[in-house]
C-alpha cells in the first residue's frame, strides 16, 4: 500500500513538473501573436529578393496590427450579440464575414506581392509552406 502511495506521489510530481516546463516554453516561444518570423532560407533568395520581401513583411506587420485591432473590436461585438436576450443571426453572420474578408484580403495582398518577386522554382517551393502564411 505504501509503495502505491509513493508511486502515485512520484507520478504526480513528474506530471506537475512537466506541465510547468511546458507552460514556460510556450510563454517564451509560442505565445507571441504579432511576431512575424517566416524562415525563407529554403528559397535561396537573392539580395534584391530578400530586401523586397523584407519590405513586404514590414508592411504586412503594420497591416496585420491594424487588422487585429479591427478584429478585436468585431469580436467584442460578437460577444455583445451573444449576451443579448435575442440572438441576431444575420448580424452575427455579417460580423464573422467581415472578419474573414479582412483576413483574406490581407493574406491575398501579401501573397500576391511575394509571388511577384519569386521565380517559378521558388514559387513551387514556397507553395508547400503556404499554410504558414494563413491570416487567422
N, C-alpha and C. Protein backbone atom coordinates (compact mmCIF):
# COMPACT_ATOMS: atom_id res chain seq x y z
N UNK A 1 0.81 -1.18 0.00
CA UNK A 1 0.00 0.00 0.00
C UNK A 1 0.87 1.27 0.00
N UNK A 2 1.94 1.24 0.79
CA UNK A 2 2.85 2.38 0.86
C UNK A 2 3.54 2.57 -0.50
N UNK A 3 3.91 1.48 -1.14
CA UNK A 3 4.56 1.56 -2.46
C UNK A 3 3.62 2.24 -3.47
N UNK A 4 2.36 1.91 -3.42
CA UNK A 4 1.39 2.51 -4.33
C UNK A 4 1.27 4.02 -4.08
N UNK A 5 1.25 4.42 -2.83
CA UNK A 5 1.18 5.84 -2.50
C UNK A 5 2.42 6.58 -2.98
N UNK A 6 3.59 5.97 -2.79
CA UNK A 6 4.85 6.59 -3.22
C UNK A 6 4.87 6.71 -4.74
N UNK A 7 4.45 5.66 -5.41
CA UNK A 7 4.41 5.68 -6.88
C UNK A 7 3.45 6.75 -7.37
N UNK A 8 2.30 6.87 -6.75
CA UNK A 8 1.32 7.90 -7.13
C UNK A 8 1.89 9.29 -6.91
N UNK A 9 2.57 9.48 -5.79
CA UNK A 9 3.17 10.78 -5.49
C UNK A 9 4.25 11.12 -6.51
N UNK A 10 5.11 10.18 -6.84
CA UNK A 10 6.17 10.43 -7.82
C UNK A 10 5.60 10.74 -9.20
N UNK A 11 4.59 9.99 -9.59
CA UNK A 11 3.96 10.25 -10.89
C UNK A 11 3.32 11.64 -10.92
N UNK A 12 2.68 12.02 -9.84
CA UNK A 12 2.05 13.33 -9.76
C UNK A 12 3.10 14.44 -9.84
N UNK A 13 4.20 14.28 -9.14
CA UNK A 13 5.27 15.28 -9.19
C UNK A 13 5.88 15.38 -10.58
N UNK A 14 6.09 14.24 -11.20
CA UNK A 14 6.65 14.23 -12.56
C UNK A 14 5.71 14.96 -13.52
N UNK A 15 4.44 14.67 -13.43
CA UNK A 15 3.46 15.31 -14.29
C UNK A 15 3.39 16.81 -14.02
N UNK A 16 3.43 17.19 -12.78
CA UNK A 16 3.37 18.60 -12.41
C UNK A 16 4.57 19.36 -12.98
N UNK A 17 5.76 18.80 -12.84
CA UNK A 17 6.97 19.45 -13.35
C UNK A 17 6.96 19.53 -14.87
N UNK A 18 6.50 18.50 -15.53
CA UNK A 18 6.48 18.53 -16.99
C UNK A 18 5.46 19.55 -17.50
N UNK A 19 4.33 19.69 -16.83
CA UNK A 19 3.35 20.71 -17.23
C UNK A 19 3.89 22.11 -17.01
N UNK A 20 4.59 22.31 -15.91
CA UNK A 20 5.17 23.61 -15.63
C UNK A 20 6.24 23.95 -16.67
N UNK A 21 7.08 23.01 -17.01
CA UNK A 21 8.12 23.24 -18.01
C UNK A 21 7.50 23.54 -19.36
N UNK A 22 6.42 22.85 -19.70
CA UNK A 22 5.75 23.07 -20.97
C UNK A 22 5.16 24.48 -21.03
N UNK A 23 4.56 24.96 -19.96
CA UNK A 23 3.96 26.30 -19.96
C UNK A 23 5.05 27.36 -20.06
N UNK A 24 6.21 27.15 -19.44
CA UNK A 24 7.32 28.10 -19.56
C UNK A 24 7.77 28.19 -21.01
N UNK A 25 7.87 27.05 -21.68
CA UNK A 25 8.30 27.03 -23.07
C UNK A 25 7.31 27.81 -23.94
N UNK A 26 6.02 27.57 -23.73
CA UNK A 26 5.01 28.26 -24.52
C UNK A 26 5.07 29.75 -24.28
N UNK A 27 5.25 30.16 -23.02
CA UNK A 27 5.29 31.57 -22.71
C UNK A 27 6.45 32.26 -23.43
N UNK A 28 7.57 31.60 -23.51
CA UNK A 28 8.76 32.22 -24.08
C UNK A 28 8.82 32.13 -25.59
N UNK A 29 8.24 31.09 -26.19
CA UNK A 29 8.48 30.84 -27.60
C UNK A 29 7.26 30.87 -28.51
N UNK A 30 6.11 30.57 -28.01
CA UNK A 30 4.99 30.38 -28.90
C UNK A 30 3.97 31.51 -28.82
N UNK A 31 3.67 32.01 -27.67
CA UNK A 31 2.56 32.93 -27.49
C UNK A 31 2.86 34.37 -27.90
N UNK A 32 3.53 34.56 -28.98
CA UNK A 32 3.80 35.90 -29.48
C UNK A 32 2.98 36.07 -30.75
N UNK A 33 1.75 36.57 -30.59
CA UNK A 33 0.81 36.63 -31.70
C UNK A 33 1.29 37.54 -32.83
N UNK A 34 1.92 38.63 -32.50
CA UNK A 34 2.30 39.58 -33.53
C UNK A 34 3.72 39.35 -34.06
N UNK A 35 4.36 38.32 -33.57
CA UNK A 35 5.71 38.03 -34.03
C UNK A 35 5.64 37.41 -35.41
N UNK A 36 6.25 38.06 -36.38
CA UNK A 36 6.21 37.53 -37.74
C UNK A 36 7.62 37.06 -38.10
N UNK A 37 7.83 35.79 -38.03
CA UNK A 37 9.09 35.22 -38.45
C UNK A 37 8.77 34.11 -39.43
N UNK A 38 9.15 34.34 -40.63
CA UNK A 38 8.93 33.33 -41.65
C UNK A 38 10.30 32.98 -42.21
N UNK A 39 10.71 31.76 -41.98
CA UNK A 39 12.00 31.32 -42.47
C UNK A 39 11.90 31.03 -43.96
N UNK A 40 12.60 31.82 -44.74
CA UNK A 40 12.58 31.64 -46.19
C UNK A 40 13.94 31.20 -46.73
N UNK A 41 14.77 30.67 -45.85
CA UNK A 41 16.10 30.24 -46.27
C UNK A 41 16.04 29.20 -47.38
N UNK A 42 15.04 28.35 -47.35
CA UNK A 42 14.93 27.28 -48.35
C UNK A 42 14.71 27.82 -49.77
N UNK A 43 14.34 29.09 -49.89
CA UNK A 43 14.11 29.68 -51.22
C UNK A 43 15.39 30.20 -51.87
N UNK A 44 16.43 30.31 -51.08
CA UNK A 44 17.71 30.83 -51.59
C UNK A 44 17.50 32.14 -52.35
N UNK A 45 16.98 33.12 -51.64
CA UNK A 45 16.66 34.42 -52.22
C UNK A 45 17.93 35.20 -52.58
N UNK A 46 17.84 35.96 -53.65
CA UNK A 46 18.94 36.87 -53.97
C UNK A 46 18.86 38.04 -52.99
N UNK A 47 19.88 38.87 -52.98
CA UNK A 47 19.88 40.02 -52.07
C UNK A 47 18.71 40.95 -52.37
N UNK A 48 18.43 41.17 -53.64
CA UNK A 48 17.31 42.04 -54.02
C UNK A 48 15.98 41.44 -53.58
N UNK A 49 15.81 40.14 -53.81
CA UNK A 49 14.58 39.47 -53.38
C UNK A 49 14.42 39.55 -51.87
N UNK A 50 15.51 39.31 -51.17
CA UNK A 50 15.47 39.35 -49.71
C UNK A 50 15.04 40.74 -49.23
N UNK A 51 15.64 41.76 -49.80
CA UNK A 51 15.31 43.14 -49.43
C UNK A 51 13.84 43.44 -49.72
N UNK A 52 13.36 43.03 -50.90
CA UNK A 52 11.97 43.30 -51.27
C UNK A 52 10.99 42.56 -50.35
N UNK A 53 11.28 41.32 -50.06
CA UNK A 53 10.39 40.55 -49.19
C UNK A 53 10.44 41.10 -47.76
N UNK A 54 11.57 41.55 -47.35
CA UNK A 54 11.67 42.16 -46.02
C UNK A 54 10.75 43.37 -45.93
N UNK A 55 10.71 44.18 -46.98
CA UNK A 55 9.82 45.35 -47.01
C UNK A 55 8.36 44.92 -47.01
N UNK A 56 8.05 43.87 -47.75
CA UNK A 56 6.68 43.35 -47.78
C UNK A 56 6.27 42.90 -46.38
N UNK A 57 7.17 42.21 -45.69
CA UNK A 57 6.86 41.71 -44.36
C UNK A 57 6.71 42.85 -43.34
N UNK A 58 7.46 43.92 -43.52
CA UNK A 58 7.29 45.08 -42.64
C UNK A 58 5.90 45.67 -42.84
N UNK A 59 5.50 45.80 -44.10
CA UNK A 59 4.18 46.33 -44.41
C UNK A 59 3.09 45.38 -43.91
N UNK A 60 3.33 44.08 -44.07
CA UNK A 60 2.39 43.07 -43.59
C UNK A 60 2.19 43.20 -42.08
N UNK A 61 3.27 43.41 -41.37
CA UNK A 61 3.18 43.54 -39.92
C UNK A 61 2.31 44.72 -39.53
N UNK A 62 2.51 45.85 -40.20
CA UNK A 62 1.69 47.04 -39.92
C UNK A 62 0.22 46.75 -40.24
N UNK A 63 -0.01 46.16 -41.41
CA UNK A 63 -1.38 45.85 -41.83
C UNK A 63 -2.03 44.84 -40.89
N UNK A 64 -1.24 43.86 -40.45
CA UNK A 64 -1.78 42.85 -39.55
C UNK A 64 -2.18 43.46 -38.21
N UNK A 65 -1.38 44.39 -37.72
CA UNK A 65 -1.70 45.05 -36.45
C UNK A 65 -3.01 45.83 -36.57
N UNK A 66 -3.20 46.53 -37.71
CA UNK A 66 -4.46 47.24 -37.94
C UNK A 66 -5.62 46.25 -38.02
N UNK A 67 -5.42 45.18 -38.79
CA UNK A 67 -6.46 44.16 -38.92
C UNK A 67 -6.80 43.57 -37.56
N UNK A 68 -5.80 43.30 -36.76
CA UNK A 68 -6.01 42.67 -35.46
C UNK A 68 -6.82 43.58 -34.54
N UNK A 69 -6.57 44.88 -34.58
CA UNK A 69 -7.36 45.83 -33.77
C UNK A 69 -8.82 45.82 -34.20
N UNK A 70 -9.03 45.83 -35.52
CA UNK A 70 -10.40 45.79 -36.03
C UNK A 70 -11.08 44.48 -35.65
N UNK A 71 -10.33 43.40 -35.77
CA UNK A 71 -10.89 42.09 -35.44
C UNK A 71 -11.28 42.02 -33.96
N UNK A 72 -10.45 42.57 -33.10
CA UNK A 72 -10.76 42.57 -31.66
C UNK A 72 -12.06 43.32 -31.38
N UNK A 73 -12.25 44.46 -32.06
CA UNK A 73 -13.49 45.23 -31.89
C UNK A 73 -14.70 44.41 -32.36
N UNK A 74 -14.52 43.74 -33.48
CA UNK A 74 -15.62 42.92 -34.01
C UNK A 74 -15.90 41.72 -33.10
N UNK A 75 -14.87 41.17 -32.51
CA UNK A 75 -15.06 40.05 -31.58
C UNK A 75 -15.85 40.51 -30.36
N UNK A 76 -15.60 41.74 -29.92
CA UNK A 76 -16.37 42.28 -28.79
C UNK A 76 -17.84 42.44 -29.18
N UNK A 77 -18.08 42.86 -30.43
CA UNK A 77 -19.46 42.97 -30.90
C UNK A 77 -20.13 41.61 -30.90
N UNK A 78 -19.37 40.58 -31.29
CA UNK A 78 -19.92 39.22 -31.28
C UNK A 78 -20.29 38.80 -29.86
N UNK A 79 -19.43 39.14 -28.92
CA UNK A 79 -19.71 38.82 -27.52
C UNK A 79 -20.97 39.53 -27.05
N UNK A 80 -21.12 40.79 -27.46
CA UNK A 80 -22.32 41.54 -27.08
C UNK A 80 -23.57 40.89 -27.67
N UNK A 81 -23.48 40.45 -28.92
CA UNK A 81 -24.62 39.80 -29.56
C UNK A 81 -25.03 38.53 -28.82
N UNK A 82 -24.04 37.78 -28.39
CA UNK A 82 -24.33 36.53 -27.67
C UNK A 82 -24.97 36.81 -26.32
N UNK A 83 -24.59 37.91 -25.69
CA UNK A 83 -25.11 38.19 -24.35
C UNK A 83 -26.51 38.81 -24.36
N UNK A 84 -26.99 39.22 -25.53
CA UNK A 84 -28.33 39.81 -25.62
C UNK A 84 -29.41 38.75 -25.45
N UNK A 85 -30.61 39.21 -25.13
CA UNK A 85 -31.74 38.29 -24.94
C UNK A 85 -32.12 37.60 -26.25
N UNK A 86 -32.13 38.35 -27.34
CA UNK A 86 -32.45 37.80 -28.66
C UNK A 86 -31.16 37.66 -29.46
N UNK A 87 -30.98 36.51 -30.07
CA UNK A 87 -29.79 36.28 -30.89
C UNK A 87 -30.07 36.72 -32.32
N UNK A 88 -29.30 37.70 -32.79
CA UNK A 88 -29.47 38.21 -34.15
C UNK A 88 -28.51 37.45 -35.08
N UNK A 89 -29.03 36.40 -35.68
CA UNK A 89 -28.24 35.51 -36.54
C UNK A 89 -27.60 36.27 -37.71
N UNK A 90 -28.38 37.13 -38.35
CA UNK A 90 -27.89 37.86 -39.52
C UNK A 90 -26.75 38.80 -39.15
N UNK A 91 -26.90 39.51 -38.05
CA UNK A 91 -25.86 40.43 -37.60
C UNK A 91 -24.58 39.65 -37.27
N UNK A 92 -24.75 38.52 -36.59
CA UNK A 92 -23.61 37.69 -36.22
C UNK A 92 -22.87 37.22 -37.48
N UNK A 93 -23.63 36.73 -38.45
CA UNK A 93 -23.02 36.25 -39.70
C UNK A 93 -22.29 37.37 -40.43
N UNK A 94 -22.89 38.58 -40.45
CA UNK A 94 -22.25 39.71 -41.12
C UNK A 94 -20.91 40.06 -40.48
N UNK A 95 -20.86 40.06 -39.17
CA UNK A 95 -19.62 40.39 -38.47
C UNK A 95 -18.55 39.33 -38.72
N UNK A 96 -18.94 38.07 -38.67
CA UNK A 96 -17.99 36.99 -38.93
C UNK A 96 -17.46 37.08 -40.37
N UNK A 97 -18.33 37.39 -41.31
CA UNK A 97 -17.90 37.54 -42.70
C UNK A 97 -16.92 38.70 -42.85
N UNK A 98 -17.17 39.80 -42.15
CA UNK A 98 -16.26 40.94 -42.20
C UNK A 98 -14.87 40.55 -41.69
N UNK A 99 -14.83 39.80 -40.62
CA UNK A 99 -13.54 39.35 -40.07
C UNK A 99 -12.83 38.46 -41.09
N UNK A 100 -13.55 37.51 -41.65
CA UNK A 100 -12.96 36.58 -42.62
C UNK A 100 -12.50 37.30 -43.88
N UNK A 101 -13.29 38.26 -44.35
CA UNK A 101 -12.91 39.02 -45.55
C UNK A 101 -11.66 39.85 -45.30
N UNK A 102 -11.56 40.46 -44.12
CA UNK A 102 -10.37 41.23 -43.79
C UNK A 102 -9.13 40.36 -43.76
N UNK A 103 -9.25 39.19 -43.17
CA UNK A 103 -8.11 38.26 -43.12
C UNK A 103 -7.73 37.81 -44.53
N UNK A 104 -8.74 37.50 -45.34
CA UNK A 104 -8.47 37.03 -46.70
C UNK A 104 -7.79 38.12 -47.53
N UNK A 105 -8.27 39.36 -47.41
CA UNK A 105 -7.67 40.46 -48.19
C UNK A 105 -6.21 40.67 -47.81
N UNK A 106 -5.93 40.62 -46.52
CA UNK A 106 -4.55 40.79 -46.06
C UNK A 106 -3.66 39.66 -46.57
N UNK A 107 -4.17 38.45 -46.48
CA UNK A 107 -3.42 37.28 -46.94
C UNK A 107 -3.15 37.37 -48.44
N UNK A 108 -4.19 37.67 -49.22
CA UNK A 108 -4.05 37.73 -50.68
C UNK A 108 -3.09 38.83 -51.09
N UNK A 109 -3.20 39.99 -50.46
CA UNK A 109 -2.32 41.12 -50.80
C UNK A 109 -0.86 40.74 -50.57
N UNK A 110 -0.59 40.16 -49.43
CA UNK A 110 0.79 39.79 -49.09
C UNK A 110 1.31 38.70 -50.02
N UNK A 111 0.51 37.68 -50.25
CA UNK A 111 0.96 36.58 -51.11
C UNK A 111 1.16 37.02 -52.55
N UNK A 112 0.32 37.94 -53.02
CA UNK A 112 0.47 38.45 -54.39
C UNK A 112 1.81 39.18 -54.53
N UNK A 113 2.14 39.99 -53.53
CA UNK A 113 3.40 40.73 -53.57
C UNK A 113 4.60 39.77 -53.52
N UNK A 114 4.52 38.78 -52.67
CA UNK A 114 5.62 37.80 -52.58
C UNK A 114 5.72 37.01 -53.88
N UNK A 115 4.59 36.61 -54.41
CA UNK A 115 4.54 35.84 -55.66
C UNK A 115 5.25 36.57 -56.79
N UNK A 116 5.04 37.89 -56.85
CA UNK A 116 5.63 38.67 -57.94
C UNK A 116 7.15 38.74 -57.86
N UNK A 117 7.71 38.48 -56.70
CA UNK A 117 9.16 38.56 -56.51
C UNK A 117 9.85 37.22 -56.76
N UNK A 118 9.15 36.12 -56.51
CA UNK A 118 9.76 34.80 -56.59
C UNK A 118 9.84 34.29 -58.02
N UNK A 119 10.85 33.47 -58.27
CA UNK A 119 10.97 32.78 -59.55
C UNK A 119 10.00 31.61 -59.58
N UNK A 120 9.73 31.03 -60.75
CA UNK A 120 8.83 29.87 -60.80
C UNK A 120 9.26 28.72 -59.89
N UNK A 121 10.54 28.46 -59.83
CA UNK A 121 11.04 27.39 -58.96
C UNK A 121 10.81 27.73 -57.49
N UNK A 122 11.08 28.97 -57.13
CA UNK A 122 10.87 29.42 -55.76
C UNK A 122 9.39 29.38 -55.39
N UNK A 123 8.53 29.74 -56.34
CA UNK A 123 7.09 29.70 -56.08
C UNK A 123 6.64 28.29 -55.75
N UNK A 124 7.17 27.33 -56.48
CA UNK A 124 6.79 25.93 -56.24
C UNK A 124 7.22 25.52 -54.83
N UNK A 125 8.43 25.86 -54.44
CA UNK A 125 8.91 25.54 -53.09
C UNK A 125 8.07 26.28 -52.04
N UNK A 126 7.78 27.53 -52.30
CA UNK A 126 7.00 28.35 -51.37
C UNK A 126 5.60 27.77 -51.18
N UNK A 127 5.04 27.21 -52.24
CA UNK A 127 3.67 26.70 -52.17
C UNK A 127 3.50 25.57 -51.16
N UNK A 128 4.57 24.84 -50.87
CA UNK A 128 4.49 23.76 -49.89
C UNK A 128 4.30 24.28 -48.47
N UNK A 129 4.65 25.53 -48.23
CA UNK A 129 4.56 26.12 -46.89
C UNK A 129 3.48 27.19 -46.81
N UNK A 130 2.55 27.16 -47.72
CA UNK A 130 1.51 28.17 -47.81
C UNK A 130 0.68 28.26 -46.53
N UNK A 131 0.47 27.13 -45.88
CA UNK A 131 -0.33 27.10 -44.65
C UNK A 131 0.23 28.05 -43.59
N UNK A 132 1.54 28.22 -43.54
CA UNK A 132 2.17 29.09 -42.56
C UNK A 132 1.79 30.56 -42.75
N UNK A 133 1.31 30.89 -43.92
CA UNK A 133 1.03 32.28 -44.26
C UNK A 133 -0.45 32.63 -44.11
N UNK A 134 -1.23 31.72 -43.56
CA UNK A 134 -2.66 31.99 -43.37
C UNK A 134 -2.84 33.05 -42.30
N UNK A 135 -3.73 33.99 -42.56
CA UNK A 135 -4.05 35.03 -41.59
C UNK A 135 -5.22 34.50 -40.77
N UNK A 136 -5.05 34.48 -39.47
CA UNK A 136 -6.10 33.97 -38.59
C UNK A 136 -6.57 35.03 -37.64
